[in-house]
Protein backbone atom coordinates (compact mmCIF):
# COMPACT_ATOMS: atom_id res chain seq x y z
CA MET A 1 77.44 -114.42 -3.72
CA SER A 2 78.14 -111.14 -2.56
CA LEU A 3 81.06 -108.80 -3.39
CA GLU A 4 83.15 -107.59 -0.49
CA MET A 5 84.77 -104.26 -0.93
CA ASN A 6 86.59 -102.32 1.94
CA GLY A 7 84.81 -104.38 4.62
CA CYS A 8 81.29 -103.35 3.07
CA ASN A 9 78.92 -105.60 1.38
CA SER A 10 78.22 -103.18 -1.69
CA SER A 11 76.58 -105.92 -3.97
CA TYR A 12 72.98 -105.56 -4.27
CA ILE A 13 69.86 -105.44 -6.38
CA HIS A 14 69.13 -101.76 -7.24
CA THR A 15 65.94 -102.42 -9.39
CA ALA A 16 64.49 -105.60 -10.36
CA PHE A 17 61.51 -105.92 -13.09
CA ILE A 18 59.65 -108.84 -12.95
CA THR A 19 57.96 -109.11 -16.12
CA GLY A 20 56.26 -112.90 -16.51
CA GLY A 21 52.90 -112.79 -17.86
CA VAL A 22 50.41 -114.67 -19.91
CA LEU A 23 46.78 -114.11 -20.97
CA VAL A 24 44.14 -116.66 -21.87
CA PRO A 25 41.07 -114.23 -22.39
CA GLU A 26 37.99 -116.48 -21.24
CA ARG A 27 34.90 -114.58 -21.78
CA LYS A 28 32.44 -116.82 -19.94
CA PRO A 29 32.87 -119.44 -17.38
CA SER A 30 32.07 -122.51 -19.89
CA GLU A 31 35.52 -121.34 -21.50
CA LEU A 32 37.33 -122.10 -18.15
CA ASP A 33 40.01 -124.84 -18.82
CA TRP A 34 42.01 -126.51 -15.81
CA ASP A 35 45.32 -126.42 -17.69
CA SER A 36 45.19 -122.77 -19.14
CA ILE A 37 44.09 -121.64 -15.41
CA LYS A 38 46.98 -123.37 -13.93
CA ALA A 39 49.44 -122.26 -16.48
CA THR A 40 48.35 -118.74 -15.96
CA PHE A 41 48.67 -118.89 -12.48
CA GLN A 42 51.85 -120.71 -12.54
CA ILE A 43 53.34 -117.69 -14.85
CA ASN A 44 51.62 -114.63 -13.67
CA VAL A 45 51.90 -115.42 -9.89
CA ILE A 46 53.76 -118.66 -8.66
CA SER A 47 56.98 -117.52 -10.92
CA HIS A 48 56.93 -114.11 -9.36
CA MET A 49 56.80 -115.68 -6.05
CA LEU A 50 59.72 -117.94 -6.48
CA LEU A 51 61.74 -115.19 -7.94
CA ILE A 52 61.17 -113.38 -4.73
CA LYS A 53 62.17 -116.46 -2.86
CA HIS A 54 65.34 -116.82 -4.51
CA PHE A 55 66.67 -113.42 -5.18
CA SER A 56 65.23 -110.96 -2.63
CA ARG A 57 68.31 -112.04 -0.56
CA PHE A 58 70.21 -109.57 -2.75
CA LEU A 59 68.29 -106.59 -1.85
CA PRO A 60 70.08 -104.27 0.54
CA ASP A 61 69.40 -104.14 4.17
CA ARG A 62 70.30 -101.54 6.91
CA SER A 63 73.75 -102.59 6.90
CA HIS A 64 74.56 -100.97 3.40
CA LYS A 65 75.49 -97.67 4.84
CA ASP A 66 76.72 -96.61 1.39
CA ILE A 67 73.16 -96.14 -0.34
CA ASP A 68 71.01 -92.90 0.82
CA SER A 69 68.17 -94.68 -0.93
CA PHE A 70 65.97 -97.63 -1.42
CA ALA A 71 65.89 -100.69 -3.82
CA ARG A 72 63.20 -100.98 -6.04
CA TRP A 73 61.39 -104.52 -6.45
CA ILE A 74 58.59 -104.04 -9.47
CA HIS A 75 56.47 -106.47 -10.83
CA VAL A 76 54.51 -106.01 -13.95
CA SER A 77 50.69 -106.42 -13.14
CA ALA A 78 47.77 -105.34 -14.87
CA ARG A 79 45.08 -102.70 -14.27
CA VAL A 80 42.40 -105.75 -14.85
CA GLY A 81 43.42 -107.12 -11.80
CA SER A 82 42.01 -104.45 -9.81
CA ILE A 83 38.69 -105.51 -8.25
CA ALA A 84 37.67 -102.13 -7.73
CA ASP A 85 38.06 -101.23 -11.29
CA ASN A 86 36.52 -104.33 -12.81
CA LYS A 87 33.52 -103.05 -14.66
CA LEU A 88 33.67 -105.65 -17.93
CA GLY A 89 34.20 -108.90 -16.11
CA GLY A 90 35.66 -111.91 -18.31
CA TRP A 91 39.26 -112.90 -18.41
CA TYR A 92 38.62 -115.11 -15.31
CA SER A 93 42.08 -116.54 -14.86
CA TYR A 94 44.05 -113.36 -15.95
CA ARG A 95 42.11 -110.77 -13.81
CA SER A 96 42.17 -113.39 -10.78
CA SER A 97 46.19 -114.26 -11.34
CA LYS A 98 46.98 -110.45 -11.48
CA ALA A 99 44.77 -109.83 -8.23
CA ALA A 100 46.74 -112.43 -6.80
CA LEU A 101 50.00 -110.94 -7.79
CA ASN A 102 48.79 -107.43 -6.51
CA GLN A 103 48.37 -109.52 -3.05
CA VAL A 104 52.02 -110.81 -3.26
CA ILE A 105 53.31 -107.35 -4.16
CA LYS A 106 51.62 -105.93 -0.90
CA THR A 107 52.59 -108.91 1.24
CA PHE A 108 56.27 -108.69 -0.21
CA ASP A 109 56.42 -105.36 0.50
CA LEU A 110 55.21 -105.46 4.20
CA HIS A 111 57.81 -108.18 4.77
CA LEU A 112 60.52 -105.66 3.39
CA GLU A 113 59.37 -102.99 5.77
CA GLN A 114 58.85 -105.24 8.89
CA GLN A 115 62.56 -106.78 8.30
CA ASN A 116 64.23 -103.18 7.87
CA ILE A 117 65.46 -104.32 4.19
CA GLN A 118 66.00 -101.04 2.44
CA ALA A 119 63.68 -101.77 -0.70
CA ILE A 120 60.11 -101.40 -1.54
CA SER A 121 57.97 -103.60 -3.81
CA VAL A 122 55.31 -102.20 -6.08
CA GLY A 123 53.59 -103.22 -9.28
CA VAL A 124 53.63 -101.40 -12.50
CA HIS A 125 50.60 -101.43 -15.29
CA PRO A 126 52.10 -100.59 -18.82
CA GLY A 127 48.91 -100.16 -20.30
CA THR A 128 48.08 -102.17 -23.50
CA VAL A 129 51.35 -102.79 -25.10
CA LYS A 130 51.74 -104.00 -29.09
CA THR A 131 53.22 -107.29 -28.09
CA ASP A 132 52.02 -110.86 -28.93
CA LEU A 133 50.18 -110.88 -25.27
CA SER A 134 47.87 -108.30 -26.82
CA HIS A 135 47.90 -108.98 -30.32
CA ALA A 136 44.13 -109.90 -30.17
CA PHE A 137 43.10 -106.73 -28.88
CA TRP A 138 44.95 -104.31 -31.22
CA HIS A 139 41.75 -103.69 -33.13
CA SER A 140 39.55 -103.06 -30.07
CA THR A 141 41.86 -100.87 -28.17
CA PRO A 142 40.94 -97.24 -28.53
CA HIS A 143 42.99 -94.81 -30.49
CA GLY A 144 45.99 -93.31 -28.53
CA ASN A 145 45.67 -96.43 -25.96
CA LEU A 146 47.91 -99.08 -28.01
CA PHE A 147 51.72 -98.52 -26.82
CA GLU A 148 54.90 -99.30 -28.41
CA PRO A 149 57.25 -101.56 -26.30
CA ASP A 150 59.87 -99.06 -26.26
CA PHE A 151 57.42 -96.31 -25.23
CA ALA A 152 55.88 -98.55 -22.49
CA ALA A 153 59.29 -99.56 -21.18
CA SER A 154 60.30 -95.85 -21.06
CA LYS A 155 57.24 -95.05 -19.25
CA LEU A 156 57.80 -97.83 -16.57
CA ALA A 157 61.71 -96.79 -15.97
CA ASP A 158 60.37 -93.25 -15.26
CA ILE A 159 58.05 -94.60 -12.73
CA ALA A 160 60.75 -96.77 -11.23
CA GLN A 161 63.34 -94.06 -10.88
CA ASN A 162 60.78 -91.30 -9.46
CA LEU A 163 59.36 -93.79 -6.83
CA SER A 164 59.08 -92.39 -3.36
CA ILE A 165 59.00 -94.52 -0.29
CA ASP A 166 55.37 -93.67 0.19
CA GLN A 167 54.30 -95.47 -2.90
CA ARG A 168 55.55 -98.63 -1.27
CA GLY A 169 52.89 -101.65 -1.87
CA LYS A 170 50.83 -100.14 -4.36
CA ILE A 171 50.16 -100.72 -8.12
CA TRP A 172 50.99 -97.74 -10.67
CA ASP A 173 50.12 -97.43 -14.16
CA TRP A 174 52.16 -96.25 -16.87
CA ALA A 175 51.09 -92.56 -16.28
CA GLY A 176 52.17 -92.51 -12.62
CA LYS A 177 48.58 -92.85 -11.31
CA GLU A 178 47.54 -95.51 -8.55
CA VAL A 179 45.57 -98.23 -9.70
CA PRO A 180 42.87 -99.18 -7.20
CA TRP A 181 42.57 -102.25 -5.46
């Protein structure tokens, strides 16, 4: 599945955004439901892992002498996946699935580094974006913190474009600030 040009494999993923996500906002333990928890983890974590499995082979390795940079493998995560930043509780399956995704991001990045694959893996948090996922929370989001999809996408594209190699394996918010673990 690669394109050969002048004896050099020049086809590879430059930037990948993995965006799958679903939110079931359980506020207390009695609201936890097996089917919802399973679906949340399937979409928020397992789908991301399977995309790594099937598409990471298209990332550049050190044989790609024609590039002077590195590829970017970017997962859309969420600040609420931060254990250190959890001050409100609730959203059990969403928070824990995003924390698990953050571990996948770090683990995959370590694999890339150890295998000399010319790529980094990071997570990004777009903020609260005016989409169906956040619709129920639009009214409670502080003024100025609810973003239009085009604005959020532009901010995440800026982050992707300006990543440096030392930012690898971490989670970054829409403003370019590191999200704590």
